[in-house]
Amino acid sequence: MDIRSQLLQGASATDLARRYGLEVVRDEIEEMISHDLADRALNAAISLRNDVLIQMAARVILCSGSYGEGANTLAKQHSRA
């Protein structure tokens, strides 16, 4: 199973980073952000404690207006904007 599928099924981004390498998982999270999966990417970025990805995903969620209330609330909690 590929990394994105594992993240979408709730796998820990930290565990995946240990298995596949941090850079590979970060790249996949960035791809998820740009493909309308920012809510899932935000959870993965929080798991990795990667502030750059957290801010990127939070901005996409807050600006798009197309994510649910839960994603918006989480994005607001982690956004510096």
N, C-alpha and C. Protein backbone atom coordinates (compact mmCIF):
# COMPACT_ATOMS: atom_id res chain seq x y z
N MET A 1 0.85 -1.17 0.00
CA MET A 1 0.00 0.00 0.00
C MET A 1 0.90 1.24 0.00
N ASP A 2 0.54 2.24 -0.81
CA ASP A 2 1.38 3.44 -0.89
C ASP A 2 1.19 4.34 0.33
N ILE A 3 2.06 5.32 0.46
CA ILE A 3 2.07 6.19 1.64
C ILE A 3 0.77 6.97 1.76
N ARG A 4 0.29 7.53 0.66
CA ARG A 4 -0.95 8.31 0.72
C ARG A 4 -2.11 7.45 1.22
N SER A 5 -2.23 6.26 0.71
CA SER A 5 -3.31 5.36 1.14
C SER A 5 -3.21 5.07 2.63
N GLN A 6 -2.00 4.87 3.10
CA GLN A 6 -1.82 4.61 4.52
C GLN A 6 -2.19 5.83 5.36
N LEU A 7 -1.80 7.02 4.91
CA LEU A 7 -2.17 8.24 5.63
C LEU A 7 -3.68 8.43 5.63
N LEU A 8 -4.32 8.17 4.50
CA LEU A 8 -5.77 8.33 4.41
C LEU A 8 -6.51 7.33 5.30
N GLN A 9 -5.88 6.20 5.57
CA GLN A 9 -6.49 5.20 6.44
C GLN A 9 -6.14 5.42 7.91
N GLY A 10 -5.42 6.50 8.19
CA GLY A 10 -5.15 6.87 9.57
C GLY A 10 -3.82 6.41 10.13
N ALA A 11 -2.93 5.94 9.28
CA ALA A 11 -1.61 5.54 9.76
C ALA A 11 -0.87 6.75 10.32
N SER A 12 -0.04 6.51 11.29
CA SER A 12 0.76 7.58 11.90
C SER A 12 1.82 8.06 10.92
N ALA A 13 1.84 9.35 10.68
CA ALA A 13 2.85 9.93 9.80
C ALA A 13 4.24 9.73 10.38
N THR A 14 4.35 9.75 11.69
CA THR A 14 5.63 9.54 12.35
C THR A 14 6.15 8.12 12.08
N ASP A 15 5.26 7.14 12.20
CA ASP A 15 5.66 5.76 11.91
C ASP A 15 6.05 5.60 10.45
N LEU A 16 5.29 6.22 9.56
CA LEU A 16 5.62 6.13 8.14
C LEU A 16 6.95 6.80 7.84
N ALA A 17 7.24 7.91 8.52
CA ALA A 17 8.52 8.59 8.32
C ALA A 17 9.68 7.72 8.77
N ARG A 18 9.48 6.97 9.83
CA ARG A 18 10.52 6.04 10.28
C ARG A 18 10.74 4.94 9.25
N ARG A 19 9.65 4.49 8.64
CA ARG A 19 9.73 3.39 7.69
C ARG A 19 10.26 3.81 6.32
N TYR A 20 9.75 4.95 5.80
CA TYR A 20 10.06 5.36 4.43
C TYR A 20 11.01 6.55 4.33
N GLY A 21 11.21 7.24 5.44
CA GLY A 21 12.04 8.44 5.43
C GLY A 21 11.18 9.69 5.53
N LEU A 22 11.66 10.63 6.30
CA LEU A 22 10.91 11.86 6.56
C LEU A 22 10.64 12.65 5.29
N GLU A 23 11.62 12.78 4.43
CA GLU A 23 11.45 13.57 3.21
C GLU A 23 10.36 13.00 2.31
N VAL A 24 10.30 11.70 2.19
CA VAL A 24 9.29 11.04 1.34
C VAL A 24 7.89 11.31 1.89
N VAL A 25 7.73 11.21 3.19
CA VAL A 25 6.42 11.44 3.81
C VAL A 25 6.05 12.92 3.71
N ARG A 26 7.00 13.81 3.93
CA ARG A 26 6.73 15.25 3.78
C ARG A 26 6.27 15.57 2.37
N ASP A 27 6.95 15.01 1.38
CA ASP A 27 6.57 15.24 -0.01
C ASP A 27 5.15 14.76 -0.28
N GLU A 28 4.79 13.63 0.27
CA GLU A 28 3.44 13.10 0.07
C GLU A 28 2.40 13.99 0.73
N ILE A 29 2.70 14.51 1.90
CA ILE A 29 1.78 15.42 2.58
C ILE A 29 1.60 16.70 1.76
N GLU A 30 2.67 17.22 1.19
CA GLU A 30 2.56 18.40 0.32
C GLU A 30 1.67 18.11 -0.88
N GLU A 31 1.82 16.94 -1.47
CA GLU A 31 0.96 16.55 -2.60
C GLU A 31 -0.50 16.46 -2.17
N MET A 32 -0.74 15.94 -0.99
CA MET A 32 -2.11 15.83 -0.49
C MET A 32 -2.72 17.22 -0.33
N ILE A 33 -1.94 18.17 0.16
CA ILE A 33 -2.44 19.54 0.33
C ILE A 33 -2.87 20.11 -1.01
N SER A 34 -2.10 19.86 -2.03
CA SER A 34 -2.42 20.44 -3.34
C SER A 34 -3.48 19.65 -4.10
N HIS A 35 -3.94 18.54 -3.55
CA HIS A 35 -4.96 17.74 -4.23
C HIS A 35 -6.22 17.59 -3.38
N ASP A 36 -6.65 18.67 -2.76
CA ASP A 36 -7.90 18.72 -2.00
C ASP A 36 -7.97 17.72 -0.86
N LEU A 37 -6.85 17.41 -0.27
CA LEU A 37 -6.81 16.53 0.89
C LEU A 37 -6.14 17.23 2.06
N ALA A 38 -6.30 18.55 2.12
CA ALA A 38 -5.60 19.34 3.14
C ALA A 38 -6.02 18.96 4.55
N ASP A 39 -7.27 18.54 4.74
CA ASP A 39 -7.71 18.16 6.07
C ASP A 39 -6.94 16.94 6.57
N ARG A 40 -6.76 15.96 5.71
CA ARG A 40 -5.98 14.77 6.08
C ARG A 40 -4.50 15.12 6.21
N ALA A 41 -4.03 16.00 5.33
CA ALA A 41 -2.63 16.42 5.38
C ALA A 41 -2.34 17.17 6.68
N LEU A 42 -3.30 17.96 7.15
CA LEU A 42 -3.11 18.69 8.40
C LEU A 42 -2.89 17.73 9.55
N ASN A 43 -3.71 16.68 9.62
CA ASN A 43 -3.54 15.69 10.69
C ASN A 43 -2.17 15.03 10.61
N ALA A 44 -1.74 14.69 9.41
CA ALA A 44 -0.43 14.06 9.24
C ALA A 44 0.70 15.02 9.62
N ALA A 45 0.57 16.29 9.23
CA ALA A 45 1.59 17.29 9.55
C ALA A 45 1.67 17.52 11.06
N ILE A 46 0.53 17.51 11.73
CA ILE A 46 0.51 17.65 13.18
C ILE A 46 1.23 16.46 13.82
N SER A 47 0.97 15.27 13.30
CA SER A 47 1.63 14.07 13.81
C SER A 47 3.15 14.17 13.67
N LEU A 48 3.60 14.73 12.55
CA LEU A 48 5.04 14.90 12.31
C LEU A 48 5.62 16.10 13.06
N ARG A 49 4.74 16.96 13.57
CA ARG A 49 5.15 18.21 14.22
C ARG A 49 5.95 19.09 13.26
N ASN A 50 5.49 19.10 12.00
CA ASN A 50 6.16 19.88 10.95
C ASN A 50 5.39 21.18 10.77
N ASP A 51 5.90 22.25 11.37
CA ASP A 51 5.18 23.52 11.39
C ASP A 51 4.93 24.10 10.00
N VAL A 52 5.87 23.94 9.10
CA VAL A 52 5.69 24.47 7.74
C VAL A 52 4.49 23.81 7.07
N LEU A 53 4.40 22.49 7.16
CA LEU A 53 3.27 21.77 6.55
C LEU A 53 1.97 22.06 7.29
N ILE A 54 2.04 22.20 8.60
CA ILE A 54 0.84 22.54 9.38
C ILE A 54 0.28 23.86 8.89
N GLN A 55 1.13 24.88 8.78
CA GLN A 55 0.67 26.20 8.34
C GLN A 55 0.14 26.16 6.91
N MET A 56 0.81 25.41 6.05
CA MET A 56 0.39 25.31 4.65
C MET A 56 -1.01 24.68 4.56
N ALA A 57 -1.20 23.57 5.25
CA ALA A 57 -2.50 22.89 5.22
C ALA A 57 -3.58 23.75 5.86
N ALA A 58 -3.25 24.39 6.98
CA ALA A 58 -4.24 25.23 7.67
C ALA A 58 -4.69 26.38 6.78
N ARG A 59 -3.75 27.02 6.08
CA ARG A 59 -4.12 28.12 5.18
C ARG A 59 -5.05 27.65 4.07
N VAL A 60 -4.74 26.50 3.49
CA VAL A 60 -5.59 25.97 2.42
C VAL A 60 -7.00 25.70 2.94
N ILE A 61 -7.10 25.09 4.10
CA ILE A 61 -8.41 24.78 4.68
C ILE A 61 -9.19 26.06 4.96
N LEU A 62 -8.55 27.02 5.60
CA LEU A 62 -9.25 28.25 5.99
C LEU A 62 -9.63 29.11 4.79
N CYS A 63 -8.82 29.10 3.75
CA CYS A 63 -9.11 29.92 2.57
C CYS A 63 -10.12 29.27 1.63
N SER A 64 -10.19 27.96 1.62
CA SER A 64 -11.04 27.29 0.64
C SER A 64 -12.51 27.35 0.99
N GLY A 65 -12.83 27.23 2.25
CA GLY A 65 -14.23 27.21 2.65
C GLY A 65 -14.97 25.94 2.27
N SER A 66 -14.26 24.94 1.78
CA SER A 66 -14.93 23.72 1.34
C SER A 66 -14.71 22.54 2.27
N TYR A 67 -14.09 22.77 3.40
CA TYR A 67 -13.86 21.69 4.37
C TYR A 67 -14.89 21.81 5.48
N GLY A 68 -15.11 20.74 6.21
CA GLY A 68 -16.10 20.72 7.28
C GLY A 68 -15.68 21.51 8.50
N GLU A 69 -16.60 21.64 9.42
CA GLU A 69 -16.38 22.43 10.63
C GLU A 69 -15.22 21.89 11.46
N GLY A 70 -15.10 20.56 11.54
CA GLY A 70 -14.01 19.96 12.30
C GLY A 70 -12.65 20.35 11.75
N ALA A 71 -12.52 20.30 10.43
CA ALA A 71 -11.25 20.68 9.80
C ALA A 71 -10.98 22.16 9.99
N ASN A 72 -12.02 22.98 9.87
CA ASN A 72 -11.85 24.42 10.06
C ASN A 72 -11.41 24.74 11.49
N THR A 73 -12.02 24.08 12.46
CA THR A 73 -11.66 24.31 13.86
C THR A 73 -10.22 23.91 14.12
N LEU A 74 -9.82 22.74 13.63
CA LEU A 74 -8.45 22.28 13.80
C LEU A 74 -7.47 23.23 13.12
N ALA A 75 -7.82 23.69 11.92
CA ALA A 75 -6.96 24.62 11.19
C ALA A 75 -6.81 25.94 11.96
N LYS A 76 -7.90 26.44 12.53
CA LYS A 76 -7.83 27.68 13.31
C LYS A 76 -6.94 27.51 14.54
N GLN A 77 -7.02 26.34 15.17
CA GLN A 77 -6.21 26.08 16.36
C GLN A 77 -4.71 26.08 16.04
N HIS A 78 -4.37 25.67 14.83
CA HIS A 78 -2.96 25.52 14.47
C HIS A 78 -2.44 26.60 13.54
N SER A 79 -3.31 27.52 13.14
CA SER A 79 -2.91 28.57 12.21
C SER A 79 -2.34 29.76 12.97
N ARG A 80 -1.33 30.36 12.40
CA ARG A 80 -0.78 31.59 12.97
C ARG A 80 -1.34 32.82 12.28
N ALA A 81 -2.15 32.61 11.26
CA ALA A 81 -2.68 33.74 10.48
C ALA A 81 -3.74 34.49 11.24
